[in-house]
Amino acid sequence: MESEGILGISYPVLLTTLVVGIVTWIFYDQVQFFAKHFLANLSWQVFSIFPIISSLFYGRIPTNRRYFSIGVKLANKYLIGTKYIVRGQKYVEDDFACIIISNHQSSLDGNFMVQLGNYKGSIVILKKSLLYASGLLGIAFYCTGAIFVNRSNPESAKKSLNSALDRIVKEKLKPQFYPEGTRHMGKEMLPFKKGAFVMAIQAQIPILPVVTSSYRHFYDKKRKIFKQGTVIVTCLPPIPTKGLTLNDLDDFVQKVRKTMQETIDKTTEEVENNL
């Protein structure tokens, strides 16, 4: 005969409930972290179907990403719980060729570019392996006109980038680069690699910084924390390269980095003070 327990609830049920409650309490952050990452990745794969279908009618053009962007934005808002505030969007919507550079914090960075929507000339330059190793997303990138570079072959990569630069200028495209070269969650950005700046100076097209406030108040990969949070995305005015040569490269890189860091510090302080 089953024991009476407490308040009519049997001891086994009470014990099971207690154990489940304790385990959930201990591992809640980790469960939430992996669940949100799963939902983020799933949304990118699911909504990749739209640019693939669109390309069948319109070819490989950047505007194929329209419904992809809308879908991922809704997933960010309602499933993942990250609020994005976009400022200065007019700078990316103007019809001119430029190179966008951004700070690089985590694998979630693609989500903040999606917030800008289907702006004119939107395009990405990716390593060729992503075409085959990213599921539907790789195919979707291809269908939106992405430029793929074989980084394992320096000569091939250089040739591809030179060809890409001609296309960028001719078609008034806006490829995005992360000049830090790797993900970094520290307060200060890492030293910049110079490839994107060399391209901009050679083509005499501006650099357009698009930066985000720090994720640190809601996201921590090491501690497996991924809560609701707010990110301020700031599109800064284009920084011209007209008249610059490669002799000006180092000073130009430092000037751009300083401008970006000041904006990151300011918007991060604003977000964290409003918690």
C-alpha atoms as a PDB file:
ATOM      1  CA  MET A   1       0.000   0.000   0.000  1.00  0.00           C
ATOM      2  CA  GLU A   2       1.359   3.451  -0.985  1.00  0.00           C
ATOM      3  CA  SER A   3       2.405   5.695   1.920  1.00  0.00           C
ATOM      4  CA  GLU A   4       0.139   8.650   2.662  1.00  0.00           C
ATOM      5  CA  GLY A   5       2.853  11.290   2.335  1.00  0.00           C
ATOM      6  CA  ILE A   6       2.090  14.943   3.027  1.00  0.00           C
ATOM      7  CA  LEU A   7      -1.191  16.712   2.212  1.00  0.00           C
ATOM      8  CA  GLY A   8      -2.315  13.650   0.320  1.00  0.00           C
ATOM      9  CA  ILE A   9       0.755  13.663  -1.959  1.00  0.00           C
ATOM     10  CA  SER A  10       2.813  10.484  -1.835  1.00  0.00           C
ATOM     11  CA  TYR A  11       6.448  10.580  -0.740  1.00  0.00           C
ATOM     12  CA  PRO A  12       7.774   9.284  -4.110  1.00  0.00           C
ATOM     13  CA  VAL A  13       5.960  12.101  -5.946  1.00  0.00           C
ATOM     14  CA  LEU A  14       7.243  14.679  -3.452  1.00  0.00           C
ATOM     15  CA  LEU A  15      10.793  13.343  -3.752  1.00  0.00           C
ATOM     16  CA  THR A  16      10.680  13.306  -7.556  1.00  0.00           C
ATOM     17  CA  THR A  17       9.316  16.859  -7.634  1.00  0.00           C
ATOM     18  CA  LEU A  18      12.024  18.020  -5.244  1.00  0.00           C
ATOM     19  CA  VAL A  19      14.812  16.396  -7.265  1.00  0.00           C
ATOM     20  CA  VAL A  20      13.492  17.830 -10.549  1.00  0.00           C
ATOM     21  CA  GLY A  21      13.182  21.252  -8.958  1.00  0.00           C
ATOM     22  CA  ILE A  22      16.742  21.176  -7.586  1.00  0.00           C
ATOM     23  CA  VAL A  23      18.229  19.940 -10.879  1.00  0.00           C
ATOM     24  CA  THR A  24      16.304  22.597 -12.831  1.00  0.00           C
ATOM     25  CA  TRP A  25      17.455  25.296 -10.416  1.00  0.00           C
ATOM     26  CA  ILE A  26      21.098  24.210 -10.694  1.00  0.00           C
ATOM     27  CA  PHE A  27      21.180  23.787 -14.470  1.00  0.00           C
ATOM     28  CA  TYR A  28      18.599  26.368 -15.563  1.00  0.00           C
ATOM     29  CA  ASP A  29      21.156  28.755 -17.077  1.00  0.00           C
ATOM     30  CA  GLN A  30      22.842  25.950 -19.019  1.00  0.00           C
ATOM     31  CA  VAL A  31      19.531  24.610 -20.366  1.00  0.00           C
ATOM     32  CA  GLN A  32      18.466  28.102 -21.418  1.00  0.00           C
ATOM     33  CA  PHE A  33      21.865  28.730 -23.047  1.00  0.00           C
ATOM     34  CA  PHE A  34      21.763  25.623 -25.244  1.00  0.00           C
ATOM     35  CA  ALA A  35      18.041  25.987 -26.009  1.00  0.00           C
ATOM     36  CA  LYS A  36      18.459  29.565 -27.238  1.00  0.00           C
ATOM     37  CA  HIS A  37      21.498  28.669 -29.325  1.00  0.00           C
ATOM     38  CA  PHE A  38      19.522  25.811 -30.842  1.00  0.00           C
ATOM     39  CA  LEU A  39      16.591  28.106 -31.658  1.00  0.00           C
ATOM     40  CA  ALA A  40      18.900  30.736 -33.146  1.00  0.00           C
ATOM     41  CA  ASN A  41      20.612  28.210 -35.413  1.00  0.00           C
ATOM     42  CA  LEU A  42      17.318  26.542 -36.297  1.00  0.00           C
ATOM     43  CA  SER A  43      15.747  29.846 -37.322  1.00  0.00           C
ATOM     44  CA  TRP A  44      18.636  30.591 -39.680  1.00  0.00           C
ATOM     45  CA  GLN A  45      18.256  27.159 -41.303  1.00  0.00           C
ATOM     46  CA  VAL A  46      14.455  27.295 -41.571  1.00  0.00           C
ATOM     47  CA  PHE A  47      14.260  30.810 -43.015  1.00  0.00           C
ATOM     48  CA  SER A  48      17.059  30.011 -45.478  1.00  0.00           C
ATOM     49  CA  ILE A  49      14.331  28.367 -47.545  1.00  0.00           C
ATOM     50  CA  PHE A  50      13.027  31.810 -48.609  1.00  0.00           C
ATOM     51  CA  PRO A  51      16.129  33.120 -50.438  1.00  0.00           C
ATOM     52  CA  ILE A  52      16.601  29.707 -52.049  1.00  0.00           C
ATOM     53  CA  ILE A  53      13.067  29.778 -53.482  1.00  0.00           C
ATOM     54  CA  SER A  54      13.349  33.457 -54.423  1.00  0.00           C
ATOM     55  CA  SER A  55      16.552  32.814 -56.387  1.00  0.00           C
ATOM     56  CA  LEU A  56      14.678  30.418 -58.668  1.00  0.00           C
ATOM     57  CA  PHE A  57      12.715  33.413 -59.974  1.00  0.00           C
ATOM     58  CA  TYR A  58      15.163  36.324 -59.634  1.00  0.00           C
ATOM     59  CA  GLY A  59      18.639  34.787 -59.755  1.00  0.00           C
ATOM     60  CA  ARG A  60      21.487  35.337 -57.268  1.00  0.00           C
ATOM     61  CA  ILE A  61      20.717  38.819 -55.958  1.00  0.00           C
ATOM     62  CA  PRO A  62      21.013  40.365 -52.456  1.00  0.00           C
ATOM     63  CA  THR A  63      17.298  41.214 -52.263  1.00  0.00           C
ATOM     64  CA  ASN A  64      16.506  37.492 -52.009  1.00  0.00           C
ATOM     65  CA  ARG A  65      17.261  37.775 -48.304  1.00  0.00           C
ATOM     66  CA  ARG A  66      14.188  39.941 -47.605  1.00  0.00           C
ATOM     67  CA  TYR A  67      11.948  37.320 -45.970  1.00  0.00           C
ATOM     68  CA  PHE A  68      14.928  35.578 -44.405  1.00  0.00           C
ATOM     69  CA  SER A  69      15.706  38.794 -42.528  1.00  0.00           C
ATOM     70  CA  ILE A  70      12.106  39.247 -41.416  1.00  0.00           C
ATOM     71  CA  GLY A  71      11.889  35.671 -40.139  1.00  0.00           C
ATOM     72  CA  VAL A  72      15.132  35.799 -38.168  1.00  0.00           C
ATOM     73  CA  LYS A  73      14.174  39.178 -36.674  1.00  0.00           C
ATOM     74  CA  LEU A  74      10.893  37.711 -35.394  1.00  0.00           C
ATOM     75  CA  ALA A  75      12.731  34.681 -33.962  1.00  0.00           C
ATOM     76  CA  ASN A  76      15.159  36.975 -32.130  1.00  0.00           C
ATOM     77  CA  LYS A  77      12.334  38.977 -30.649  1.00  0.00           C
ATOM     78  CA  TYR A  78       9.836  36.281 -29.658  1.00  0.00           C
ATOM     79  CA  LEU A  79      11.848  33.067 -29.212  1.00  0.00           C
ATOM     80  CA  ILE A  80      15.252  34.273 -28.036  1.00  0.00           C
ATOM     81  CA  GLY A  81      14.238  37.475 -26.284  1.00  0.00           C
ATOM     82  CA  THR A  82      16.970  39.806 -27.523  1.00  0.00           C
ATOM     83  CA  LYS A  83      15.893  43.399 -28.167  1.00  0.00           C
ATOM     84  CA  TYR A  84      17.815  45.321 -30.823  1.00  0.00           C
ATOM     85  CA  ILE A  85      17.856  49.108 -31.079  1.00  0.00           C
ATOM     86  CA  VAL A  86      19.187  50.332 -34.452  1.00  0.00           C
ATOM     87  CA  ARG A  87      20.632  53.810 -34.905  1.00  0.00           C
ATOM     88  CA  GLY A  88      21.937  55.556 -38.006  1.00  0.00           C
ATOM     89  CA  GLN A  89      20.406  53.052 -40.423  1.00  0.00           C
ATOM     90  CA  LYS A  90      20.252  55.755 -43.103  1.00  0.00           C
ATOM     91  CA  TYR A  91      23.995  55.337 -43.614  1.00  0.00           C
ATOM     92  CA  VAL A  92      23.686  51.763 -44.870  1.00  0.00           C
ATOM     93  CA  GLU A  93      20.649  52.508 -47.009  1.00  0.00           C
ATOM     94  CA  ASP A  94      22.363  55.062 -49.252  1.00  0.00           C
ATOM     95  CA  ASP A  95      23.240  53.795 -52.719  1.00  0.00           C
ATOM     96  CA  PHE A  96      27.047  53.681 -52.716  1.00  0.00           C
ATOM     97  CA  ALA A  97      29.845  51.136 -52.522  1.00  0.00           C
ATOM     98  CA  CYS A  98      31.618  50.770 -49.196  1.00  0.00           C
ATOM     99  CA  ILE A  99      33.114  48.208 -46.847  1.00  0.00           C
ATOM    100  CA  ILE A 100      31.289  47.602 -43.570  1.00  0.00           C
ATOM    101  CA  ILE A 101      33.388  46.671 -40.570  1.00  0.00           C
ATOM    102  CA  SER A 102      32.057  45.510 -37.196  1.00  0.00           C
ATOM    103  CA  ASN A 103      33.188  44.353 -33.795  1.00  0.00           C
ATOM    104  CA  HIS A 104      33.045  40.573 -33.406  1.00  0.00           C
ATOM    105  CA  GLN A 105      31.745  39.186 -30.097  1.00  0.00           C
ATOM    106  CA  SER A 106      30.191  35.790 -30.779  1.00  0.00           C
ATOM    107  CA  SER A 107      28.459  33.498 -33.255  1.00  0.00           C
ATOM    108  CA  LEU A 108      25.331  35.587 -32.603  1.00  0.00           C
ATOM    109  CA  ASP A 109      26.743  38.576 -34.487  1.00  0.00           C
ATOM    110  CA  GLY A 110      24.894  37.685 -37.661  1.00  0.00           C
ATOM    111  CA  ASN A 111      21.665  38.503 -35.820  1.00  0.00           C
ATOM    112  CA  PHE A 112      22.498  42.181 -35.447  1.00  0.00           C
ATOM    113  CA  MET A 113      23.175  42.580 -39.185  1.00  0.00           C
ATOM    114  CA  VAL A 114      19.785  41.000 -39.871  1.00  0.00           C
ATOM    115  CA  GLN A 115      18.188  43.857 -37.897  1.00  0.00           C
ATOM    116  CA  LEU A 116      19.297  46.259 -40.637  1.00  0.00           C
ATOM    117  CA  GLY A 117      16.993  44.483 -43.055  1.00  0.00           C
ATOM    118  CA  ASN A 118      17.471  44.273 -46.790  1.00  0.00           C
ATOM    119  CA  TYR A 119      19.608  47.396 -47.235  1.00  0.00           C
ATOM    120  CA  LYS A 120      21.032  48.330 -50.651  1.00  0.00           C
ATOM    121  CA  GLY A 121      24.122  46.379 -51.688  1.00  0.00           C
ATOM    122  CA  SER A 122      23.917  43.962 -48.781  1.00  0.00           C
ATOM    123  CA  ILE A 123      26.355  41.104 -49.400  1.00  0.00           C
ATOM    124  CA  VAL A 124      28.792  38.887 -47.522  1.00  0.00           C
ATOM    125  CA  ILE A 125      32.244  37.535 -48.296  1.00  0.00           C
ATOM    126  CA  LEU A 126      32.710  34.069 -46.820  1.00  0.00           C
ATOM    127  CA  LYS A 127      35.245  31.289 -46.795  1.00  0.00           C
ATOM    128  CA  LYS A 128      34.344  28.713 -49.407  1.00  0.00           C
ATOM    129  CA  SER A 129      33.970  25.860 -46.912  1.00  0.00           C
ATOM    130  CA  LEU A 130      30.826  27.503 -45.474  1.00  0.00           C
ATOM    131  CA  LEU A 131      29.027  26.881 -48.746  1.00  0.00           C
ATOM    132  CA  TYR A 132      29.159  23.139 -48.061  1.00  0.00           C
ATOM    133  CA  ALA A 133      29.290  22.992 -44.256  1.00  0.00           C
ATOM    134  CA  SER A 134      26.370  25.234 -43.256  1.00  0.00           C
ATOM    135  CA  GLY A 135      23.382  23.254 -44.475  1.00  0.00           C
ATOM    136  CA  LEU A 136      20.627  25.331 -46.068  1.00  0.00           C
ATOM    137  CA  LEU A 137      22.283  28.511 -44.807  1.00  0.00           C
ATOM    138  CA  GLY A 138      25.295  28.022 -47.092  1.00  0.00           C
ATOM    139  CA  ILE A 139      22.998  27.571 -50.078  1.00  0.00           C
ATOM    140  CA  ALA A 140      21.006  30.650 -49.008  1.00  0.00           C
ATOM    141  CA  PHE A 141      24.201  32.723 -48.908  1.00  0.00           C
ATOM    142  CA  TYR A 142      24.988  31.543 -52.425  1.00  0.00           C
ATOM    143  CA  CYS A 143      21.482  32.489 -53.569  1.00  0.00           C
ATOM    144  CA  THR A 144      21.885  36.039 -52.234  1.00  0.00           C
ATOM    145  CA  GLY A 145      25.033  36.621 -54.272  1.00  0.00           C
ATOM    146  CA  ALA A 146      27.644  35.950 -51.578  1.00  0.00           C
ATOM    147  CA  ILE A 147      31.284  35.956 -52.630  1.00  0.00           C
ATOM    148  CA  PHE A 148      33.148  32.808 -51.570  1.00  0.00           C
ATOM    149  CA  VAL A 149      36.911  32.817 -51.036  1.00  0.00           C
ATOM    150  CA  ASN A 150      39.183  29.782 -50.770  1.00  0.00           C
ATOM    151  CA  ARG A 151      41.304  30.827 -47.789  1.00  0.00           C
ATOM    152  CA  SER A 152      43.351  27.634 -47.845  1.00  0.00           C
ATOM    153  CA  ASN A 153      44.892  28.771 -51.154  1.00  0.00           C
ATOM    154  CA  PRO A 154      46.443  32.266 -50.778  1.00  0.00           C
ATOM    155  CA  GLU A 155      46.832  32.825 -54.523  1.00  0.00           C
ATOM    156  CA  SER A 156      43.249  31.792 -55.212  1.00  0.00           C
ATOM    157  CA  ALA A 157      41.999  33.904 -52.289  1.00  0.00           C
ATOM    158  CA  LYS A 158      43.868  36.983 -53.539  1.00  0.00           C
ATOM    159  CA  LYS A 159      42.487  36.532 -57.041  1.00  0.00           C
ATOM    160  CA  SER A 160      38.941  36.104 -55.684  1.00  0.00           C
ATOM    161  CA  LEU A 161      39.209  39.237 -53.528  1.00  0.00           C
ATOM    162  CA  ASN A 162      40.543  41.326 -56.423  1.00  0.00           C
ATOM    163  CA  SER A 163      37.650  40.147 -58.558  1.00  0.00           C
ATOM    164  CA  ALA A 164      35.262  40.827 -55.670  1.00  0.00           C
ATOM    165  CA  LEU A 165      36.576  44.366 -55.325  1.00  0.00           C
ATOM    166  CA  ASP A 166      35.801  45.110 -58.960  1.00  0.00           C
ATOM    167  CA  ARG A 167      32.280  43.808 -58.433  1.00  0.00           C
ATOM    168  CA  ILE A 168      31.842  45.785 -55.196  1.00  0.00           C
ATOM    169  CA  VAL A 169      32.664  49.064 -56.932  1.00  0.00           C
ATOM    170  CA  LYS A 170      30.694  48.327 -60.102  1.00  0.00           C
ATOM    171  CA  GLU A 171      27.524  47.086 -58.367  1.00  0.00           C
ATOM    172  CA  LYS A 172      27.757  49.427 -55.345  1.00  0.00           C
ATOM    173  CA  LEU A 173      27.905  46.585 -52.842  1.00  0.00           C
ATOM    174  CA  LYS A 174      28.520  46.692 -49.085  1.00  0.00           C
ATOM    175  CA  PRO A 175      30.393  43.589 -47.890  1.00  0.00           C
ATOM    176  CA  GLN A 176      30.943  43.201 -44.147  1.00  0.00           C
ATOM    177  CA  PHE A 177      34.206  42.307 -42.400  1.00  0.00           C
ATOM    178  CA  TYR A 178      35.190  41.635 -38.786  1.00  0.00           C
ATOM    179  CA  PRO A 179      38.699  43.152 -38.639  1.00  0.00           C
ATOM    180  CA  GLU A 180      39.450  41.666 -35.203  1.00  0.00           C
ATOM    181  CA  GLY A 181      39.664  38.324 -36.992  1.00  0.00           C
ATOM    182  CA  THR A 182      38.241  36.301 -34.110  1.00  0.00           C
ATOM    183  CA  ARG A 183      35.439  36.496 -31.549  1.00  0.00           C
ATOM    184  CA  HIS A 184      36.224  38.515 -28.470  1.00  0.00           C
ATOM    185  CA  MET A 185      34.057  39.540 -25.502  1.00  0.00           C
ATOM    186  CA  GLY A 186      36.548  41.826 -23.758  1.00  0.00           C
ATOM    187  CA  LYS A 187      35.948  45.521 -23.138  1.00  0.00           C
ATOM    188  CA  GLU A 188      38.576  46.535 -25.702  1.00  0.00           C
ATOM    189  CA  MET A 189      38.518  45.300 -29.273  1.00  0.00           C
ATOM    190  CA  LEU A 190      41.461  43.230 -30.456  1.00  0.00           C
ATOM    191  CA  PRO A 191      44.033  44.814 -32.802  1.00  0.00           C
ATOM    192  CA  PHE A 192      42.638  45.076 -36.316  1.00  0.00           C
ATOM    193  CA  LYS A 193      43.770  43.043 -39.288  1.00  0.00           C
ATOM    194  CA  LYS A 194      44.232  45.339 -42.278  1.00  0.00           C
ATOM    195  CA  GLY A 195      42.811  43.443 -45.253  1.00  0.00           C
ATOM    196  CA  ALA A 196      39.464  45.271 -45.385  1.00  0.00           C
ATOM    197  CA  PHE A 197      41.191  48.647 -45.086  1.00  0.00           C
ATOM    198  CA  VAL A 198      43.624  47.810 -47.879  1.00  0.00           C
ATOM    199  CA  MET A 199      40.679  46.930 -50.119  1.00  0.00           C
ATOM    200  CA  ALA A 200      38.912  50.189 -49.268  1.00  0.00           C
ATOM    201  CA  ILE A 201      41.979  52.331 -49.982  1.00  0.00           C
ATOM    202  CA  GLN A 202      42.764  50.519 -53.215  1.00  0.00           C
ATOM    203  CA  ALA A 203      39.197  51.031 -54.455  1.00  0.00           C
ATOM    204  CA  GLN A 204      38.953  54.538 -52.908  1.00  0.00           C
ATOM    205  CA  ILE A 205      35.638  53.633 -51.295  1.00  0.00           C
ATOM    206  CA  PRO A 206      34.665  54.498 -47.701  1.00  0.00           C
ATOM    207  CA  ILE A 207      34.708  52.364 -44.590  1.00  0.00           C
ATOM    208  CA  LEU A 208      31.308  52.221 -42.883  1.00  0.00           C
ATOM    209  CA  PRO A 209      31.506  51.041 -39.242  1.00  0.00           C
ATOM    210  CA  VAL A 210      28.501  49.163 -37.842  1.00  0.00           C
ATOM    211  CA  VAL A 211      29.086  48.394 -34.170  1.00  0.00           C
ATOM    212  CA  THR A 212      27.154  46.857 -31.298  1.00  0.00           C
ATOM    213  CA  SER A 213      27.127  47.411 -27.587  1.00  0.00           C
ATOM    214  CA  SER A 214      28.567  44.598 -25.484  1.00  0.00           C
ATOM    215  CA  TYR A 215      26.522  41.441 -24.898  1.00  0.00           C
ATOM    216  CA  ARG A 216      28.142  40.824 -21.524  1.00  0.00           C
ATOM    217  CA  HIS A 217      25.108  41.824 -19.427  1.00  0.00           C
ATOM    218  CA  PHE A 218      23.054  38.938 -20.859  1.00  0.00           C
ATOM    219  CA  TYR A 219      25.434  36.548 -22.641  1.00  0.00           C
ATOM    220  CA  ASP A 220      28.470  34.630 -21.374  1.00  0.00           C
ATOM    221  CA  LYS A 221      29.659  31.626 -23.364  1.00  0.00           C
ATOM    222  CA  LYS A 222      32.133  30.425 -20.725  1.00  0.00           C
ATOM    223  CA  ARG A 223      29.518  30.402 -17.952  1.00  0.00           C
ATOM    224  CA  LYS A 224      26.775  29.195 -20.323  1.00  0.00           C
ATOM    225  CA  ILE A 225      24.483  32.164 -19.673  1.00  0.00           C
ATOM    226  CA  PHE A 226      22.047  33.503 -22.288  1.00  0.00           C
ATOM    227  CA  LYS A 227      19.313  35.688 -20.799  1.00  0.00           C
ATOM    228  CA  GLN A 228      17.029  38.344 -22.249  1.00  0.00           C
ATOM    229  CA  GLY A 229      18.946  41.461 -23.159  1.00  0.00           C
ATOM    230  CA  THR A 230      19.225  44.623 -25.214  1.00  0.00           C
ATOM    231  CA  VAL A 231      21.749  45.409 -27.950  1.00  0.00           C
ATOM    232  CA  ILE A 232      22.288  48.844 -29.484  1.00  0.00           C
ATOM    233  CA  VAL A 233      23.384  48.609 -33.123  1.00  0.00           C
ATOM    234  CA  THR A 234      24.998  51.833 -34.368  1.00  0.00           C
ATOM    235  CA  CYS A 235      25.699  52.589 -38.023  1.00  0.00           C
ATOM    236  CA  LEU A 236      28.327  55.329 -38.034  1.00  0.00           C
ATOM    237  CA  PRO A 237      28.874  57.836 -40.867  1.00  0.00           C
ATOM    238  CA  PRO A 238      31.066  56.545 -43.714  1.00  0.00           C
ATOM    239  CA  ILE A 239      34.754  57.328 -43.289  1.00  0.00           C
ATOM    240  CA  PRO A 240      36.212  58.330 -46.688  1.00  0.00           C
ATOM    241  CA  THR A 241      39.423  56.993 -48.209  1.00  0.00           C
ATOM    242  CA  LYS A 242      39.603  59.431 -51.120  1.00  0.00           C
ATOM    243  CA  GLY A 243      43.181  60.532 -51.609  1.00  0.00           C
ATOM    244  CA  LEU A 244      44.600  57.994 -49.150  1.00  0.00           C
ATOM    245  CA  THR A 245      47.391  55.600 -50.108  1.00  0.00           C
ATOM    246  CA  LEU A 246      48.765  52.521 -48.404  1.00  0.00           C
ATOM    247  CA  ASN A 247      51.289  54.840 -46.717  1.00  0.00           C
ATOM    248  CA  ASP A 248      48.333  56.169 -44.706  1.00  0.00           C
ATOM    249  CA  LEU A 249      47.096  52.693 -43.789  1.00  0.00           C
ATOM    250  CA  ASP A 250      48.254  52.411 -40.165  1.00  0.00           C
ATOM    251  CA  ASP A 251      46.981  55.847 -39.149  1.00  0.00           C
ATOM    252  CA  PHE A 252      43.683  55.237 -40.932  1.00  0.00           C
ATOM    253  CA  VAL A 253      43.148  51.883 -39.197  1.00  0.00           C
ATOM    254  CA  GLN A 254      43.805  53.429 -35.786  1.00  0.00           C
ATOM    255  CA  LYS A 255      41.455  56.327 -36.532  1.00  0.00           C
ATOM    256  CA  VAL A 256      38.612  53.972 -37.453  1.00  0.00           C
ATOM    257  CA  ARG A 257      39.262  51.670 -34.496  1.00  0.00           C
ATOM    258  CA  LYS A 258      39.222  54.621 -32.073  1.00  0.00           C
ATOM    259  CA  THR A 259      35.882  55.845 -33.445  1.00  0.00           C
ATOM    260  CA  MET A 260      34.361  52.380 -33.142  1.00  0.00           C
ATOM    261  CA  GLN A 261      35.667  51.782 -29.618  1.00  0.00           C
ATOM    262  CA  GLU A 262      34.276  55.108 -28.373  1.00  0.00           C
ATOM    263  CA  THR A 263      30.839  54.214 -29.730  1.00  0.00           C
ATOM    264  CA  ILE A 264      30.946  50.711 -28.229  1.00  0.00           C
ATOM    265  CA  ASP A 265      31.910  52.092 -24.823  1.00  0.00           C
ATOM    266  CA  LYS A 266      29.180  54.733 -24.916  1.00  0.00           C
ATOM    267  CA  THR A 267      26.342  52.430 -26.012  1.00  0.00           C
ATOM    268  CA  THR A 268      27.427  49.648 -23.643  1.00  0.00           C
ATOM    269  CA  GLU A 269      27.335  52.059 -20.716  1.00  0.00           C
ATOM    270  CA  GLU A 270      23.889  53.229 -21.822  1.00  0.00           C
ATOM    271  CA  VAL A 271      22.498  49.697 -21.992  1.00  0.00           C
ATOM    272  CA  GLU A 272      24.017  48.576 -18.683  1.00  0.00           C
ATOM    273  CA  ASN A 273      22.810  51.698 -16.854  1.00  0.00           C
ATOM    274  CA  ASN A 274      19.248  50.942 -17.932  1.00  0.00           C
ATOM    275  CA  LEU A 275      19.178  47.387 -16.562  1.00  0.00           C
END
